[in-house]
N, C-alpha and C. Protein backbone atom coordinates (compact mmCIF):
# COMPACT_ATOMS: atom_id res chain seq x y z
N MET A 1 -6.86 -10.10 20.16
CA MET A 1 -6.81 -9.56 18.99
C MET A 1 -7.70 -8.42 18.76
N SER A 2 -8.81 -8.10 18.89
CA SER A 2 -9.50 -7.03 18.51
C SER A 2 -8.97 -5.64 19.12
N ARG A 3 -8.85 -5.76 20.36
CA ARG A 3 -7.85 -4.69 21.26
C ARG A 3 -6.68 -4.16 20.71
N LEU A 4 -5.88 -5.21 20.50
CA LEU A 4 -4.36 -4.88 19.53
C LEU A 4 -4.88 -4.10 18.50
N ILE A 5 -5.76 -4.59 17.45
CA ILE A 5 -6.20 -4.03 16.17
C ILE A 5 -6.56 -2.24 16.71
N ALA A 6 -7.34 -2.17 17.65
CA ALA A 6 -7.92 -1.20 18.04
C ALA A 6 -6.68 -0.15 18.53
N LEU A 7 -5.64 -0.93 19.01
CA LEU A 7 -4.42 0.06 19.52
C LEU A 7 -3.57 0.61 18.32
N ALA A 8 -3.41 -0.45 17.36
CA ALA A 8 -2.68 -0.32 16.19
C ALA A 8 -3.25 1.03 15.48
N GLY A 9 -4.80 0.99 15.36
CA GLY A 9 -5.22 2.08 14.76
C GLY A 9 -5.55 3.53 15.49
N PHE A 10 -5.14 3.40 16.62
CA PHE A 10 -4.88 4.80 17.36
C PHE A 10 -3.70 4.89 17.03
N ALA A 11 -2.42 4.35 17.32
CA ALA A 11 -1.35 4.73 17.07
C ALA A 11 -1.27 5.12 15.48
N ASP A 12 -1.63 4.67 14.55
CA ASP A 12 -2.23 5.18 12.95
C ASP A 12 -2.66 6.30 13.03
N ARG A 13 -3.67 6.62 13.69
CA ARG A 13 -4.19 7.74 13.54
C ARG A 13 -3.36 8.99 14.23
N ARG A 14 -2.45 8.42 15.40
CA ARG A 14 -1.71 9.44 15.94
C ARG A 14 -0.43 10.00 15.38
N LEU A 15 -0.32 9.02 14.62
CA LEU A 15 0.86 9.25 13.69
C LEU A 15 0.59 10.65 12.60
N GLY A 16 -0.72 9.77 12.07
CA GLY A 16 -1.37 10.76 10.95
C GLY A 16 -1.76 12.10 11.35
N ASP A 17 -1.53 12.60 12.56
CA ASP A 17 -1.79 13.99 13.35
C ASP A 17 -0.47 14.87 13.35
N SER A 18 0.53 13.90 13.03
CA SER A 18 1.65 14.65 12.88
C SER A 18 2.01 15.63 11.61
N PHE A 19 2.33 16.86 11.93
CA PHE A 19 2.42 18.01 10.77
C PHE A 19 3.32 17.45 9.99
N LEU A 20 4.77 17.04 10.15
CA LEU A 20 5.40 16.61 9.36
C LEU A 20 4.62 15.23 8.41
N VAL A 21 3.71 14.13 8.75
CA VAL A 21 2.90 13.33 8.41
C VAL A 21 1.89 14.09 7.28
N ARG A 22 1.40 15.32 7.96
CA ARG A 22 0.06 15.82 7.10
C ARG A 22 1.10 16.36 6.02
N THR A 23 2.02 17.13 5.86
CA THR A 23 2.84 18.04 5.02
C THR A 23 3.25 16.63 3.92
N ALA A 24 3.48 15.79 4.48
CA ALA A 24 4.17 14.70 3.49
C ALA A 24 3.00 14.38 2.45
N GLY A 25 2.03 14.05 3.35
CA GLY A 25 0.72 13.75 2.48
C GLY A 25 0.19 14.65 1.50
N LEU A 26 0.23 15.93 1.79
CA LEU A 26 -0.09 17.13 0.83
C LEU A 26 1.10 16.93 -0.47
N TYR A 27 2.12 16.63 -0.05
CA TYR A 27 3.16 16.76 -1.33
C TYR A 27 2.89 15.50 -1.83
N GLY A 28 2.60 14.39 -1.32
CA GLY A 28 2.29 13.02 -2.02
C GLY A 28 1.16 13.54 -3.03
N TRP A 29 0.09 14.06 -3.07
CA TRP A 29 -0.85 14.35 -4.00
C TRP A 29 -0.45 15.12 -4.85
N GLY A 30 0.62 16.15 -4.45
CA GLY A 30 1.49 16.74 -5.52
C GLY A 30 2.05 16.39 -6.52
N ILE A 31 2.67 15.11 -6.18
CA ILE A 31 3.42 14.21 -6.96
C ILE A 31 2.67 13.64 -7.83
N VAL A 32 1.09 12.98 -7.51
CA VAL A 32 0.17 12.29 -8.08
C VAL A 32 -0.45 13.51 -9.10
N ALA A 33 -0.34 14.53 -8.96
CA ALA A 33 -1.01 15.71 -9.89
C ALA A 33 0.23 15.84 -11.12
N THR A 34 1.71 16.19 -10.31
CA THR A 34 2.25 16.15 -11.30
C THR A 34 2.46 15.44 -12.88
N TYR A 35 2.39 13.72 -12.12
CA TYR A 35 2.88 12.46 -12.93
C TYR A 35 1.52 12.57 -13.86
N ALA A 36 0.21 12.80 -13.32
CA ALA A 36 -0.88 12.81 -14.07
C ALA A 36 -0.81 13.95 -15.50
N VAL A 37 -0.20 14.59 -15.18
CA VAL A 37 0.05 15.85 -16.58
C VAL A 37 0.82 15.16 -17.46
N LEU A 38 1.99 14.73 -17.00
CA LEU A 38 2.96 14.22 -17.77
C LEU A 38 2.60 12.99 -18.27
N VAL A 39 1.47 12.02 -18.08
CA VAL A 39 0.90 10.95 -18.32
C VAL A 39 0.14 11.38 -19.33
N THR A 40 -0.77 12.43 -19.15
CA THR A 40 -1.82 13.24 -20.33
C THR A 40 -0.92 13.54 -21.44
N LEU A 41 0.23 14.38 -21.20
CA LEU A 41 0.90 15.00 -22.37
C LEU A 41 1.60 14.10 -23.19
N ASP A 42 1.98 12.76 -22.32
CA ASP A 42 2.65 11.73 -23.16
C ASP A 42 2.22 10.09 -22.90
N PRO A 43 1.08 10.05 -23.39
CA PRO A 43 1.01 8.50 -22.80
C PRO A 43 1.21 7.18 -23.44
N SER A 44 2.23 7.53 -24.33
CA SER A 44 3.02 6.30 -24.35
C SER A 44 4.31 6.12 -23.59
N SER A 45 4.27 6.71 -23.01
CA SER A 45 5.63 7.05 -21.96
C SER A 45 4.95 6.43 -20.34
N ALA A 46 3.69 6.31 -20.63
CA ALA A 46 3.04 6.23 -19.04
C ALA A 46 3.53 5.29 -18.06
N ALA A 47 4.40 3.65 -18.81
CA ALA A 47 5.02 3.08 -18.11
C ALA A 47 6.02 3.51 -17.32
N ALA A 48 6.85 4.17 -18.00
CA ALA A 48 8.05 4.88 -17.43
C ALA A 48 7.79 5.95 -16.63
N LEU A 49 7.03 6.35 -17.05
CA LEU A 49 6.11 7.76 -15.80
C LEU A 49 5.83 7.02 -14.28
N LEU A 50 5.12 5.95 -14.50
CA LEU A 50 4.39 5.46 -13.74
C LEU A 50 5.73 4.73 -12.83
N ASP A 51 6.48 4.38 -13.17
CA ASP A 51 7.93 3.46 -12.44
C ASP A 51 8.38 4.59 -11.64
N ARG A 52 8.84 5.84 -12.30
CA ARG A 52 9.29 7.06 -11.69
C ARG A 52 8.44 7.54 -10.64
N ALA A 53 7.26 7.87 -10.92
CA ALA A 53 5.95 8.10 -9.90
C ALA A 53 6.14 7.68 -8.55
N PHE A 54 6.11 5.85 -8.51
CA PHE A 54 6.42 5.06 -7.30
C PHE A 54 7.41 5.24 -6.81
N VAL A 55 8.59 5.51 -7.38
CA VAL A 55 10.11 5.85 -6.54
C VAL A 55 9.82 7.21 -5.76
N THR A 56 9.36 8.01 -6.73
CA THR A 56 9.18 9.45 -5.80
C THR A 56 8.16 9.07 -4.75
N LEU A 57 7.06 8.69 -5.13
CA LEU A 57 6.46 8.14 -3.63
C LEU A 57 6.95 7.57 -2.45
N ALA A 58 7.47 6.83 -2.61
CA ALA A 58 8.60 6.23 -1.97
C ALA A 58 9.35 7.22 -1.31
N TRP A 59 9.94 7.85 -1.66
CA TRP A 59 10.70 9.04 -1.23
C TRP A 59 9.87 9.98 -0.24
N VAL A 60 8.63 10.41 -0.61
CA VAL A 60 7.73 11.33 -0.07
C VAL A 60 6.27 10.52 -0.59
N PRO A 61 5.32 10.40 0.36
CA PRO A 61 5.51 10.29 1.67
C PRO A 61 6.38 9.24 2.10
N GLY A 62 6.72 8.28 1.90
CA GLY A 62 7.17 6.88 2.30
C GLY A 62 7.96 7.19 3.21
N THR A 63 9.12 7.80 2.86
CA THR A 63 10.27 7.98 3.86
C THR A 63 10.08 8.63 5.10
N VAL A 64 9.24 9.65 4.73
CA VAL A 64 9.13 10.98 5.65
C VAL A 64 8.54 10.37 6.73
N ILE A 65 7.53 9.92 6.53
CA ILE A 65 5.98 9.18 7.48
C ILE A 65 6.88 8.17 8.30
N ALA A 66 8.02 7.14 7.45
CA ALA A 66 9.06 6.16 8.24
C ALA A 66 9.72 7.10 9.18
N PHE A 67 10.23 8.46 8.85
CA PHE A 67 10.91 9.42 9.68
C PHE A 67 10.19 9.77 10.96
N ALA A 68 8.98 9.88 10.72
CA ALA A 68 8.03 10.16 11.96
C ALA A 68 7.49 9.29 12.70
N ALA A 69 7.75 8.16 12.02
CA ALA A 69 7.56 6.99 13.19
C ALA A 69 8.56 6.46 14.05
N ALA A 70 9.81 6.71 13.45
CA ALA A 70 10.98 6.46 14.25
C ALA A 70 11.08 7.18 15.50
N ARG A 71 10.34 8.26 15.53
CA ARG A 71 10.56 9.35 16.63
C ARG A 71 9.37 8.57 17.35
N ASP A 72 8.56 8.56 16.84
CA ASP A 72 6.94 8.26 17.58
C ASP A 72 7.26 6.61 18.20
N ALA A 73 8.35 6.05 17.63
CA ALA A 73 8.48 4.39 18.26
C ALA A 73 9.64 4.75 19.51
N GLY A 74 10.37 5.85 19.65
CA GLY A 74 11.53 5.69 20.69
C GLY A 74 11.10 5.60 21.63
N GLY A 75 11.05 4.42 22.51
CA GLY A 75 10.96 4.29 23.94
C GLY A 75 9.44 4.26 24.29
N PRO A 76 9.40 3.61 25.39
CA PRO A 76 7.60 3.50 25.84
C PRO A 76 7.61 5.03 26.77
N SER A 77 6.93 5.72 26.31
CA SER A 77 6.88 7.09 26.80
C SER A 77 5.41 6.71 27.65
N GLU A 78 5.61 6.88 29.17
CA GLU A 78 4.42 7.05 30.05
C GLU A 78 3.31 7.87 29.60
N THR A 79 3.68 9.08 29.08
CA THR A 79 2.25 10.12 28.69
C THR A 79 1.92 9.95 27.31
N SER A 80 2.25 9.09 26.25
CA SER A 80 1.70 8.91 24.69
C SER A 80 0.73 8.14 25.14
N GLY A 81 -0.42 8.56 24.02
CA GLY A 81 -1.81 8.23 23.86
C GLY A 81 -1.78 6.50 23.63
N GLU A 82 -0.71 5.93 23.24
CA GLU A 82 -0.70 4.94 23.20
C GLU A 82 -0.32 3.86 24.26
N ALA A 83 0.69 4.14 24.93
CA ALA A 83 0.87 4.03 25.94
C ALA A 83 0.04 4.11 27.14
N PHE A 84 -1.06 4.97 27.36
CA PHE A 84 -2.05 5.05 28.23
C PHE A 84 -3.17 4.17 27.48
N MET A 85 -3.54 3.93 26.32
CA MET A 85 -4.18 3.19 26.25
C MET A 85 -3.93 1.59 26.08
N ALA A 86 -2.44 1.23 25.94
CA ALA A 86 -2.13 -0.34 26.39
C ALA A 86 -2.03 -0.56 27.58
N ARG A 87 -1.81 0.53 28.84
CA ARG A 87 -1.83 0.25 30.08
C ARG A 87 -3.56 -0.10 30.81
N GLN A 88 -4.44 0.66 29.95
CA GLN A 88 -5.71 0.19 30.39
C GLN A 88 -6.28 -0.86 29.70
N ARG A 89 -5.64 -1.29 28.58
CA ARG A 89 -6.23 -2.22 28.21
C ARG A 89 -5.45 -3.93 28.44
N GLY A 90 -4.53 -3.58 29.29
CA GLY A 90 -3.59 -4.57 29.85
C GLY A 90 -2.26 -4.88 28.78
N HIS A 91 -2.09 -4.08 27.79
CA HIS A 91 -1.12 -4.78 26.72
C HIS A 91 0.43 -4.19 27.36
N ASP A 92 1.34 -5.26 27.19
CA ASP A 92 2.65 -5.12 27.50
C ASP A 92 3.44 -4.23 26.47
N HIS A 93 4.64 -3.93 26.51
CA HIS A 93 5.69 -3.36 25.53
C HIS A 93 5.51 -3.80 24.63
N ARG A 94 5.80 -5.13 24.51
CA ARG A 94 5.99 -5.65 23.36
C ARG A 94 4.84 -5.35 22.43
N GLU A 95 3.07 -5.64 22.77
CA GLU A 95 2.14 -5.57 22.04
C GLU A 95 2.18 -4.23 21.68
N LEU A 96 2.41 -3.27 22.52
CA LEU A 96 2.58 -1.67 22.12
C LEU A 96 3.60 -1.43 21.14
N ALA A 97 4.66 -2.25 21.08
CA ALA A 97 5.69 -2.04 20.00
C ALA A 97 4.93 -2.57 18.52
N ALA A 98 4.28 -3.50 18.55
CA ALA A 98 3.66 -4.15 17.18
C ALA A 98 2.40 -3.33 17.06
N ALA A 99 1.84 -2.84 18.07
CA ALA A 99 0.87 -1.87 17.46
C ALA A 99 1.40 -0.50 16.85
N ARG A 100 2.46 -0.23 17.00
CA ARG A 100 3.21 0.99 16.55
C ARG A 100 3.52 0.67 15.19
N PHE A 101 4.09 -0.46 15.06
CA PHE A 101 4.80 -1.14 14.01
C PHE A 101 3.36 -1.12 12.89
N ALA A 102 2.52 -1.56 13.18
CA ALA A 102 1.03 -2.13 12.46
C ALA A 102 0.78 -0.72 11.52
N GLY A 103 0.57 0.57 12.54
CA GLY A 103 0.28 1.50 12.57
C GLY A 103 0.83 2.57 11.63
N ALA A 104 2.43 2.42 11.75
CA ALA A 104 3.45 3.05 10.43
C ALA A 104 3.32 2.35 9.33
N ALA A 105 3.12 1.12 9.27
CA ALA A 105 3.01 0.22 7.90
C ALA A 105 1.71 0.67 7.42
N LEU A 106 0.58 0.77 8.39
CA LEU A 106 -0.79 1.12 7.45
C LEU A 106 -0.63 2.46 6.99
N ARG A 107 0.11 3.33 7.70
CA ARG A 107 0.11 5.25 7.33
C ARG A 107 0.94 4.92 6.26
N ILE A 108 1.68 4.27 5.96
CA ILE A 108 3.02 4.24 4.66
C ILE A 108 2.17 3.48 3.63
N GLY A 109 1.54 2.28 3.96
CA GLY A 109 1.06 1.68 2.56
C GLY A 109 0.15 2.34 2.16
N ARG A 110 -0.81 3.11 3.05
CA ARG A 110 -1.92 3.59 2.38
C ARG A 110 -1.33 4.98 1.80
N ALA A 111 -0.60 5.62 2.25
CA ALA A 111 -0.23 6.92 1.63
C ALA A 111 0.64 6.68 0.21
N ILE A 112 0.95 5.67 0.16
CA ILE A 112 1.38 5.25 -1.23
C ILE A 112 0.40 4.30 -1.95
N GLY A 113 -0.35 3.59 -1.97
CA GLY A 113 -0.97 2.73 -2.09
C GLY A 113 -1.96 3.51 -2.81
N VAL A 114 -2.72 4.26 -2.16
CA VAL A 114 -4.13 5.17 -3.02
C VAL A 114 -3.46 5.92 -3.66
N ARG A 115 -2.47 6.77 -3.63
CA ARG A 115 -2.01 7.86 -4.37
C ARG A 115 -1.33 7.04 -5.91
N GLY A 116 -0.59 5.65 -5.63
CA GLY A 116 -0.22 4.90 -6.82
C GLY A 116 -1.33 4.44 -7.71
N LEU A 117 -2.78 3.55 -6.85
CA LEU A 117 -3.71 3.20 -7.24
C LEU A 117 -4.31 4.31 -8.32
N LEU A 118 -4.61 5.58 -7.65
CA LEU A 118 -5.45 6.40 -8.45
C LEU A 118 -4.53 6.93 -9.85
N LEU A 119 -3.30 6.73 -9.64
CA LEU A 119 -2.70 7.73 -10.80
C LEU A 119 -2.76 6.22 -11.57
N SER A 120 -2.65 4.88 -11.21
CA SER A 120 -2.23 3.69 -12.28
C SER A 120 -3.75 3.55 -12.85
N LEU A 121 -4.95 3.91 -11.95
CA LEU A 121 -6.15 3.89 -12.88
C LEU A 121 -6.04 5.23 -13.93
N TYR A 122 -5.75 6.18 -13.41
CA TYR A 122 -5.81 7.26 -14.66
C TYR A 122 -5.21 7.04 -15.82
N ALA A 123 -3.72 6.21 -15.76
CA ALA A 123 -3.31 6.11 -16.69
C ALA A 123 -3.99 5.27 -17.67
N ALA A 124 -4.23 4.37 -16.91
CA ALA A 124 -5.21 3.24 -17.91
C ALA A 124 -6.09 3.63 -18.72
N SER A 125 -6.66 4.45 -17.90
CA SER A 125 -8.06 5.11 -18.48
C SER A 125 -7.81 5.86 -19.87
N LEU A 126 -6.42 6.37 -20.01
CA LEU A 126 -6.44 7.15 -21.29
C LEU A 126 -6.54 5.98 -22.39
N GLY A 127 -6.22 4.86 -22.37
CA GLY A 127 -6.50 4.02 -23.34
C GLY A 127 -5.34 3.94 -24.50
N SER A 128 -4.14 4.48 -24.17
CA SER A 128 -3.22 4.44 -24.88
C SER A 128 -2.52 2.97 -25.86
N SER A 129 -2.44 2.85 -26.70
CA SER A 129 -1.84 1.49 -27.01
C SER A 129 -0.31 1.39 -26.38
N GLY A 130 0.13 2.29 -25.79
CA GLY A 130 1.40 2.27 -25.27
C GLY A 130 1.05 2.58 -23.67
N GLY A 131 -0.04 2.64 -23.32
CA GLY A 131 -0.59 2.75 -21.82
C GLY A 131 -0.19 1.11 -20.95
N PRO A 132 0.20 1.31 -19.73
CA PRO A 132 0.16 0.07 -19.06
C PRO A 132 -0.93 -0.90 -19.02
N ASP A 133 -1.17 -2.10 -18.78
CA ASP A 133 -2.05 -2.73 -18.89
C ASP A 133 -2.66 -2.48 -17.26
N ILE A 134 -4.07 -2.46 -17.22
CA ILE A 134 -4.81 -1.90 -15.66
C ILE A 134 -4.22 -2.80 -14.79
N LEU A 135 -4.66 -4.15 -14.97
CA LEU A 135 -4.69 -4.88 -13.85
C LEU A 135 -2.88 -4.99 -13.45
N ARG A 136 -2.37 -5.20 -14.17
CA ARG A 136 -0.69 -5.48 -14.00
C ARG A 136 -0.51 -4.21 -13.23
N TRP A 137 -0.61 -2.83 -13.54
CA TRP A 137 -0.30 -1.57 -12.80
C TRP A 137 -1.38 -1.81 -11.33
N VAL A 138 -2.40 -2.02 -11.34
CA VAL A 138 -3.32 -1.77 -10.22
C VAL A 138 -2.65 -2.69 -9.01
N VAL A 139 -2.24 -3.81 -9.26
CA VAL A 139 -1.34 -5.00 -8.46
C VAL A 139 -0.47 -4.74 -8.12
N GLY A 140 0.65 -3.98 -9.13
CA GLY A 140 1.71 -3.84 -8.87
C GLY A 140 1.83 -2.54 -7.65
N ALA A 141 0.80 -1.06 -7.99
CA ALA A 141 0.67 -0.46 -7.02
C ALA A 141 0.26 -0.92 -5.56
N LEU A 142 -0.27 -1.51 -5.55
CA LEU A 142 -0.86 -2.52 -4.04
C LEU A 142 0.37 -3.26 -3.70
N LEU A 143 0.87 -3.97 -4.33
CA LEU A 143 1.94 -4.70 -3.48
C LEU A 143 3.35 -3.88 -3.52
N PHE A 144 3.49 -2.92 -4.04
CA PHE A 144 4.63 -1.88 -3.59
C PHE A 144 4.47 -1.30 -2.66
N ALA A 145 3.02 -0.93 -2.35
CA ALA A 145 2.56 -0.33 -1.28
C ALA A 145 2.81 -1.16 -0.06
N LEU A 146 2.57 -2.51 -0.19
CA LEU A 146 2.41 -3.32 0.72
C LEU A 146 3.77 -3.45 1.39
N VAL A 147 4.56 -3.87 0.54
CA VAL A 147 6.13 -4.51 0.52
C VAL A 147 6.95 -3.06 1.23
N LEU A 148 6.67 -2.12 0.78
CA LEU A 148 7.67 -0.51 1.15
C LEU A 148 6.46 -0.16 2.47
N GLY A 149 5.63 -0.35 2.90
CA GLY A 149 4.94 0.04 4.10
C GLY A 149 5.65 -0.93 5.21
N VAL A 150 5.34 -2.46 5.05
CA VAL A 150 6.03 -3.04 5.94
C VAL A 150 7.47 -2.98 6.07
N GLY A 151 8.01 -2.96 5.01
CA GLY A 151 9.65 -2.79 5.17
C GLY A 151 10.11 -1.31 5.91
N LEU A 152 9.49 -0.12 5.59
CA LEU A 152 9.91 1.19 5.93
C LEU A 152 9.75 1.36 7.71
N ALA A 153 7.99 0.56 7.85
CA ALA A 153 8.00 0.48 9.34
C ALA A 153 8.66 -0.10 10.05
N GLY A 154 9.15 -1.48 9.35
CA GLY A 154 10.06 -2.28 10.10
C GLY A 154 11.62 -1.48 10.52
N LEU A 155 12.06 -0.60 9.72
CA LEU A 155 13.64 -0.13 9.68
C LEU A 155 12.84 1.00 10.84
N ALA A 156 11.74 2.03 10.71
CA ALA A 156 11.70 2.62 12.03
C ALA A 156 11.60 1.99 13.22
N ARG A 157 10.66 0.98 13.42
CA ARG A 157 10.88 0.38 14.81
C ARG A 157 12.31 -0.18 14.95
N ALA A 158 13.36 -0.81 14.52
CA ALA A 158 14.55 -1.16 14.56
C ALA A 158 15.45 0.18 14.87
N ALA A 159 15.32 0.99 14.01
CA ALA A 159 16.14 2.47 14.52
C ALA A 159 15.84 2.82 15.80
N ALA A 160 14.30 2.80 15.97
CA ALA A 160 14.04 3.31 17.83
C ALA A 160 14.53 2.15 18.57
N PHE A 161 14.56 1.08 18.18
CA PHE A 161 14.96 0.13 18.95
C PHE A 161 16.52 0.21 19.34
N VAL A 162 17.54 0.40 18.26
CA VAL A 162 18.58 0.24 18.46
C VAL A 162 19.40 1.81 19.37
N LEU A 163 18.50 2.53 18.90
CA LEU A 163 18.81 4.03 19.62
C LEU A 163 17.71 4.59 19.89
N PRO A 164 17.22 4.41 20.75
CA PRO A 164 15.81 4.81 21.54
C PRO A 164 15.44 6.29 21.55
N GLU A 165 16.61 7.36 21.86
CA GLU A 165 16.76 8.45 21.69
C GLU A 165 17.28 9.25 20.23
N ARG A 166 17.58 8.23 19.41
CA ARG A 166 18.34 9.34 18.32
C ARG A 166 17.89 8.20 17.13
N GLY A 167 16.69 7.43 16.99
CA GLY A 167 16.40 6.61 16.10
C GLY A 167 15.85 7.34 14.53
N ARG A 168 15.90 8.43 14.56
CA ARG A 168 15.43 9.41 13.22
C ARG A 168 16.93 9.74 12.79
N LEU A 169 18.02 9.71 13.54
CA LEU A 169 19.46 9.97 12.70
C LEU A 169 19.55 8.40 12.01
N LEU A 170 19.56 7.24 13.12
CA LEU A 170 19.81 5.94 12.43
C LEU A 170 18.88 5.85 11.21
N LEU A 171 17.90 6.01 10.84
CA LEU A 171 17.14 5.97 9.84
C LEU A 171 17.62 6.88 8.67
N VAL A 172 17.93 8.31 9.08
CA VAL A 172 18.45 9.00 8.06
C VAL A 172 19.77 8.39 7.24
N ALA A 173 20.43 7.86 8.15
CA ALA A 173 22.01 7.19 7.44
C ALA A 173 21.45 5.57 6.77
N VAL A 174 20.44 5.15 7.00
CA VAL A 174 20.11 4.13 6.39
C VAL A 174 19.42 3.91 4.85
N VAL A 175 18.61 5.10 5.17
CA VAL A 175 17.60 5.42 4.37
C VAL A 175 17.68 6.79 3.39
N LEU A 176 17.57 7.67 3.94
CA LEU A 176 17.70 9.13 3.26
C LEU A 176 19.18 9.26 2.48
N LEU A 177 20.23 9.08 3.24
CA LEU A 177 21.29 9.05 2.42
C LEU A 177 21.82 8.19 1.40
N PRO A 178 21.54 7.19 1.35
CA PRO A 178 21.35 6.41 0.17
C PRO A 178 20.46 7.01 -1.03
N LEU A 179 19.08 7.37 -0.54
CA LEU A 179 18.69 7.73 -1.82
C LEU A 179 19.17 9.23 -2.46
N ALA A 180 19.77 10.12 -1.43
CA ALA A 180 19.96 11.21 -1.84
C ALA A 180 21.38 11.11 -2.40
N ALA A 181 22.04 9.71 -2.43
CA ALA A 181 23.39 9.49 -3.37
C ALA A 181 22.69 9.07 -4.70
N SER A 182 21.51 8.44 -4.54
CA SER A 182 21.06 7.81 -5.75
C SER A 182 20.71 8.90 -6.70
N LEU A 183 20.47 10.13 -6.32
CA LEU A 183 20.23 11.20 -7.34
C LEU A 183 21.55 11.97 -7.84
N ALA A 184 22.75 11.76 -7.32
CA ALA A 184 23.94 11.83 -8.31
C ALA A 184 24.42 10.73 -9.16
N TRP A 185 24.23 9.70 -8.54
CA TRP A 185 24.89 8.34 -9.04
C TRP A 185 23.45 7.24 -9.23
N PRO A 186 23.00 7.49 -10.20
CA PRO A 186 21.71 6.68 -10.33
C PRO A 186 21.92 4.95 -9.96
N SER A 187 22.86 4.66 -10.37
CA SER A 187 23.57 3.26 -9.94
C SER A 187 23.40 2.93 -8.38
N ALA A 188 23.40 3.95 -7.56
CA ALA A 188 23.88 3.76 -6.04
C ALA A 188 22.48 2.89 -5.43
N PRO A 189 22.76 1.94 -4.90
CA PRO A 189 21.54 1.29 -4.22
C PRO A 189 21.00 1.97 -2.82
N ASN A 190 19.35 1.78 -3.23
CA ASN A 190 18.74 2.76 -1.95
C ASN A 190 17.48 1.82 -1.97
N LEU A 191 16.89 1.53 -0.97
CA LEU A 191 16.05 0.87 -0.22
C LEU A 191 14.60 1.10 -1.11
N PRO A 192 13.98 1.89 -1.79
CA PRO A 192 12.98 1.87 -2.65
C PRO A 192 13.21 1.14 -3.86
N ALA A 193 14.27 1.58 -4.53
CA ALA A 193 14.46 0.74 -5.52
C ALA A 193 14.68 -0.67 -5.49
N ILE A 194 15.09 -1.08 -4.10
CA ILE A 194 15.18 -2.54 -3.93
C ILE A 194 13.85 -2.83 -3.75
N PHE A 195 13.11 -2.60 -2.85
CA PHE A 195 11.82 -2.81 -2.59
C PHE A 195 10.73 -2.95 -4.16
N ARG A 196 11.36 -2.10 -4.91
CA ARG A 196 10.41 -2.16 -6.13
C ARG A 196 10.88 -3.39 -6.85
N GLU A 197 12.11 -3.77 -6.77
CA GLU A 197 12.71 -4.85 -7.62
C GLU A 197 11.89 -6.28 -6.71
N LEU A 198 11.43 -5.87 -5.72
CA LEU A 198 10.77 -7.41 -5.31
C LEU A 198 9.37 -7.68 -6.12
N VAL A 199 8.81 -6.78 -6.81
CA VAL A 199 7.69 -6.84 -7.66
C VAL A 199 8.16 -6.86 -8.88
N PRO A 200 8.98 -7.75 -9.45
CA PRO A 200 9.51 -7.67 -10.92
C PRO A 200 8.14 -8.11 -11.78
N GLY A 201 8.26 -7.13 -12.93
CA GLY A 201 7.09 -7.29 -13.82
C GLY A 201 5.84 -6.91 -13.64
N LEU A 202 5.68 -6.50 -12.39
CA LEU A 202 4.86 -5.39 -12.44
C LEU A 202 4.87 -4.25 -12.29
N LEU A 203 5.73 -3.57 -11.48
CA LEU A 203 6.39 -2.02 -11.64
C LEU A 203 7.02 -1.72 -12.38
N GLY A 204 8.39 -2.59 -13.00
CA GLY A 204 9.48 -2.36 -13.62
C GLY A 204 9.46 -2.84 -15.39
N GLY A 205 8.28 -3.67 -15.58
CA GLY A 205 8.40 -4.34 -16.56
C GLY A 205 8.01 -3.47 -17.89
N GLY A 206 7.62 -2.35 -17.75
CA GLY A 206 7.19 -1.42 -18.80
C GLY A 206 8.17 -0.36 -18.55
N ALA A 207 9.12 -0.20 -17.71
CA ALA A 207 10.32 1.09 -17.39
C ALA A 207 10.80 1.14 -18.35
N THR A 208 11.28 2.17 -19.14
CA THR A 208 12.32 2.55 -19.69
C THR A 208 13.63 3.10 -19.22
């Protein structure tokens, strides 16, 4: 088990070395800074602003990291770092796939959870009568990060399994196109909104 955890950690770090993932991380901090300013200017709307911030974080960096992970998961490359470590430690292809899934879930969950948690704590620290309850939003941030991390990582793995050489295209069709459609038609279903509804009363309870 410890060897598999080490392999998952290596997959997480390798994914984090991607230029796309690093750029998405920086953009995610920009989202936090933007919504922190908005909450500061209008503390009474903190709950609604945080609700939007979580969905925006699901867009970037969440889906962007999943997009990178779909390519990372595409087929057992004999030259990849994970494949080399797996062979050296006696792991088979299934264990390598599980490690890549875990690495992607950790990377997505951490990217959303850390940023969402800090933004929630900042909003709660303002002490406005209209601000969200600190415990509700802290737990909500962590649950949303967990659900989205596992969900998007699972979709990335599934996309790579179904279309090993075109996993990213499939992920775009399943995740990014519905997200883009929701910008024009807010009622259109999209995965971040669906994942958010899995934690009712925590993320959406105070939204307007």
